[in-house]
Amino acid sequence: MNRSVPWRVRFAQHLVGINGAAYWPMHPDSQLAYPNRVLLGRDSWPGIEPRCYVSANMGLVVGNGVRIGREVGLITGDHDPTRLTSYLEVAPQVIGDHCIIEDGCTILPGVELADFCIVTRGSVVTKSCLEPRSILSGNPARVVGTHDRPTPSIAADAKHGYIPAVRFDDFARRNLRHQYLGRFGDAFTLSSPGAS
């Protein structure tokens, strides 16, 4: 079953221009930086809920079927303490397939979450969790258990935001900044010599 984009979100993005640079639905009360450094899976909309902060300056990879709650911060860059106008080089933030990030969570730079991870409400994730189906909780978040939630289905025609799946590879080659996507960006640059 395809999710539908609320009319207020479409109006704000396409007619008013709020978060208009995003290639996926984003709530007008959420903030976005560097949308061309976001590699988005199918049926995932970071920032669709209000008051989210999506800052992809060092790269953000979001898997398929990811659900992200209200007031979530996806922060990919650390300021250089010796020069606050620049950022330290870190790996892109990676959120695996079918993860759930509940309301009020913050995911910090360089963190990678395995597939099916659940981050409970208000948690701050400071370190990667590479064990699938982990439940993380707290500040700083730690693994408090595992789950066996069934794999949700994704419709065969589910899009990468507003981009149809059949056109996404071409879109990604032309529009994304691959050098910020780590090993995930290599697939697009290798298949298209000279792409940047």
Protein backbone atom coordinates (compact mmCIF):
# COMPACT_ATOMS: atom_id res chain seq x y z
CA MET A 1 0.00 0.00 0.00
CA ASN A 2 1.43 3.37 -1.01
CA ARG A 3 1.42 6.18 1.51
CA SER A 4 -0.08 9.42 0.27
CA VAL A 5 1.62 12.77 0.72
CA PRO A 6 -0.49 15.20 2.80
CA TRP A 7 -1.77 18.08 0.68
CA ARG A 8 -0.24 20.65 3.08
CA VAL A 9 3.21 19.17 2.50
CA ARG A 10 2.80 19.21 -1.29
CA PHE A 11 1.49 22.79 -1.16
CA ALA A 12 4.40 24.00 1.02
CA GLN A 13 7.04 22.23 -1.09
CA HIS A 14 5.80 22.72 -4.63
CA LEU A 15 3.94 26.03 -4.50
CA VAL A 16 5.50 27.95 -1.61
CA GLY A 17 8.99 26.39 -1.90
CA ILE A 18 9.48 25.39 1.76
CA ASN A 19 11.89 22.44 1.68
CA GLY A 20 11.46 22.54 -2.09
CA ALA A 21 15.01 21.27 -2.68
CA ALA A 22 14.15 17.89 -1.15
CA TYR A 23 13.29 15.16 -3.64
CA TRP A 24 11.03 13.56 -1.03
CA PRO A 25 8.03 14.82 0.99
CA MET A 26 9.12 17.00 3.89
CA HIS A 27 6.97 18.79 6.45
CA PRO A 28 7.15 22.61 6.25
CA ASP A 29 8.01 22.76 9.97
CA SER A 30 11.08 20.54 9.48
CA GLN A 31 14.50 21.82 8.47
CA LEU A 32 16.79 20.45 5.77
CA ALA A 33 20.39 21.09 4.78
CA TYR A 34 22.28 19.56 1.83
CA PRO A 35 19.52 17.46 0.17
CA ASN A 36 21.90 16.49 -2.64
CA ARG A 37 23.92 14.49 -0.11
CA VAL A 38 20.97 12.26 0.86
CA LEU A 39 20.63 8.82 -0.71
CA LEU A 40 17.06 7.79 -0.04
CA GLY A 41 15.59 4.29 -0.17
CA ARG A 42 12.09 3.45 -1.34
CA ASP A 43 9.15 4.50 0.85
CA SER A 44 11.30 6.50 3.32
CA TRP A 45 10.61 10.17 4.04
CA PRO A 46 12.97 11.70 6.64
CA GLY A 47 11.42 14.92 7.90
CA ILE A 48 7.81 14.17 6.88
CA GLU A 49 6.85 14.66 10.52
CA PRO A 50 7.01 18.17 12.03
CA ARG A 51 10.05 19.74 13.69
CA CYS A 52 12.66 17.33 12.35
CA TYR A 53 16.18 18.47 11.56
CA VAL A 54 17.90 16.72 8.65
CA SER A 55 21.45 17.97 8.16
CA ALA A 56 23.27 15.89 5.55
CA ASN A 57 26.44 17.92 5.12
CA MET A 58 28.67 14.81 5.57
CA GLY A 59 26.25 12.43 3.83
CA LEU A 60 23.10 10.57 4.82
CA VAL A 61 21.96 7.17 3.55
CA VAL A 62 18.43 6.10 4.47
CA GLY A 63 17.31 2.56 3.60
CA ASN A 64 13.96 1.26 2.37
CA GLY A 65 10.83 1.51 4.50
CA VAL A 66 12.35 3.63 7.28
CA ARG A 67 9.90 5.38 9.63
CA ILE A 68 11.03 8.55 11.39
CA GLY A 69 8.94 10.28 14.05
CA ARG A 70 8.46 13.89 15.11
CA GLU A 71 11.28 16.13 16.35
CA VAL A 72 14.02 13.77 15.17
CA GLY A 73 17.51 15.12 14.49
CA LEU A 74 19.63 13.42 11.83
CA ILE A 75 22.94 15.22 12.24
CA THR A 76 25.83 14.16 10.02
CA GLY A 77 28.54 16.76 10.64
CA ASP A 78 30.80 17.59 13.60
CA HIS A 79 32.17 21.13 13.78
CA ASP A 80 35.94 21.38 13.78
CA PRO A 81 36.76 22.63 17.32
CA THR A 82 39.68 24.67 16.01
CA ARG A 83 37.63 26.33 13.28
CA LEU A 84 33.90 26.39 13.93
CA THR A 85 33.02 27.39 10.37
CA SER A 86 34.22 24.03 9.01
CA TYR A 87 33.40 20.39 9.67
CA LEU A 88 35.45 17.33 10.54
CA GLU A 89 35.55 14.55 7.94
CA VAL A 90 33.35 11.66 9.09
CA ALA A 91 31.68 8.70 7.40
CA PRO A 92 28.12 9.27 6.21
CA GLN A 93 25.30 8.47 8.59
CA VAL A 94 23.55 5.23 7.54
CA ILE A 95 20.09 4.10 8.61
CA GLY A 96 19.34 0.55 7.46
CA ASP A 97 16.18 -0.84 5.88
CA HIS A 98 12.95 -0.88 7.90
CA CYS A 99 14.39 0.98 10.90
CA ILE A 100 12.06 2.91 13.20
CA ILE A 101 13.30 6.14 14.76
CA GLU A 102 10.71 7.23 17.32
CA ASP A 103 9.80 10.80 18.32
CA GLY A 104 12.45 13.06 19.80
CA CYS A 105 15.51 10.98 18.89
CA THR A 106 18.87 12.32 17.75
CA ILE A 107 21.27 10.34 15.57
CA LEU A 108 24.82 11.76 15.64
CA PRO A 109 27.49 11.92 12.91
CA GLY A 110 29.05 8.75 11.53
CA VAL A 111 26.47 6.45 13.13
CA GLU A 112 25.36 3.37 11.19
CA LEU A 113 22.24 1.44 12.17
CA ALA A 114 21.71 -2.11 10.89
CA ASP A 115 18.45 -3.17 9.23
CA PHE A 116 15.31 -3.34 11.42
CA CYS A 117 16.75 -1.37 14.35
CA ILE A 118 14.28 0.45 16.59
CA VAL A 119 15.41 3.59 18.42
CA THR A 120 13.03 4.36 21.27
CA ARG A 121 11.53 7.76 21.98
CA GLY A 122 13.97 10.49 23.04
CA SER A 123 17.15 8.43 22.61
CA VAL A 124 20.48 9.88 21.49
CA VAL A 125 22.47 7.49 19.30
CA THR A 126 26.20 8.24 19.57
CA LYS A 127 27.65 4.90 18.33
CA SER A 128 26.88 2.53 15.48
CA CYS A 129 24.75 -0.57 16.02
CA LEU A 130 25.51 -3.25 13.43
CA GLU A 131 23.29 -5.99 14.90
CA PRO A 132 20.01 -6.22 12.94
CA ARG A 133 16.73 -6.08 14.89
CA SER A 134 18.29 -4.32 17.88
CA ILE A 135 16.28 -2.06 20.16
CA LEU A 136 18.25 0.99 21.29
CA SER A 137 17.25 3.24 24.16
CA GLY A 138 18.69 5.99 26.35
CA ASN A 139 21.17 8.85 26.26
CA PRO A 140 23.59 7.70 25.10
CA ALA A 141 21.59 4.92 23.47
CA ARG A 142 22.56 1.33 24.11
CA VAL A 143 21.09 -1.98 23.00
CA VAL A 144 18.39 -3.02 25.45
CA GLY A 145 16.95 -5.96 23.51
CA THR A 146 15.96 -7.37 20.16
CA HIS A 147 12.65 -7.86 18.36
CA ASP A 148 11.12 -10.16 15.77
CA ARG A 149 8.74 -7.71 14.10
CA PRO A 150 7.74 -9.07 10.68
CA THR A 151 9.21 -7.42 7.60
CA PRO A 152 6.76 -4.78 6.36
CA SER A 153 5.99 -4.99 2.67
CA ILE A 154 6.90 -2.20 0.30
CA ALA A 155 4.74 -1.76 -2.78
CA ALA A 156 6.38 -2.76 -6.05
CA ASP A 157 5.84 0.78 -7.37
CA ALA A 158 7.07 2.58 -4.20
CA LYS A 159 9.13 5.64 -5.00
CA HIS A 160 12.37 7.12 -3.70
CA GLY A 161 10.58 10.17 -2.34
CA TYR A 162 8.95 11.72 -5.41
CA ILE A 163 11.22 9.83 -7.86
CA PRO A 164 9.89 6.60 -9.42
CA ALA A 165 12.13 3.60 -8.74
CA VAL A 166 12.75 3.00 -12.45
CA ARG A 167 14.21 6.52 -12.82
CA PHE A 168 16.10 6.73 -9.54
CA ASP A 169 19.53 5.47 -10.71
CA ASP A 170 19.63 8.12 -13.42
CA PHE A 171 18.38 10.78 -10.99
CA ALA A 172 21.04 9.81 -8.45
CA ARG A 173 23.86 9.92 -11.00
CA ARG A 174 22.83 13.41 -12.14
CA ASN A 175 21.84 15.04 -8.85
CA LEU A 176 23.54 13.50 -5.82
CA ARG A 177 26.98 14.38 -4.46
CA HIS A 178 28.42 10.87 -4.43
CA GLN A 179 31.62 11.72 -2.57
CA TYR A 180 29.50 12.18 0.57
CA LEU A 181 27.76 8.80 0.35
CA GLY A 182 30.71 6.53 1.10
CA ARG A 183 30.45 2.98 -0.24
CA PHE A 184 26.84 3.63 -1.28
CA GLY A 185 27.77 6.39 -3.72
CA ASP A 186 30.31 4.18 -5.48
CA ALA A 187 27.54 2.20 -7.20
CA PHE A 188 26.36 5.31 -9.02
CA THR A 189 29.78 6.68 -9.94
CA LEU A 190 31.16 3.32 -11.14
CA SER A 191 28.23 2.69 -13.45
CA SER A 192 28.55 6.12 -14.98
CA PRO A 193 32.16 7.07 -15.82
CA GLY A 194 32.84 10.74 -15.31
CA ALA A 195 29.79 11.31 -13.12
CA SER A 196 30.30 13.52 -10.08
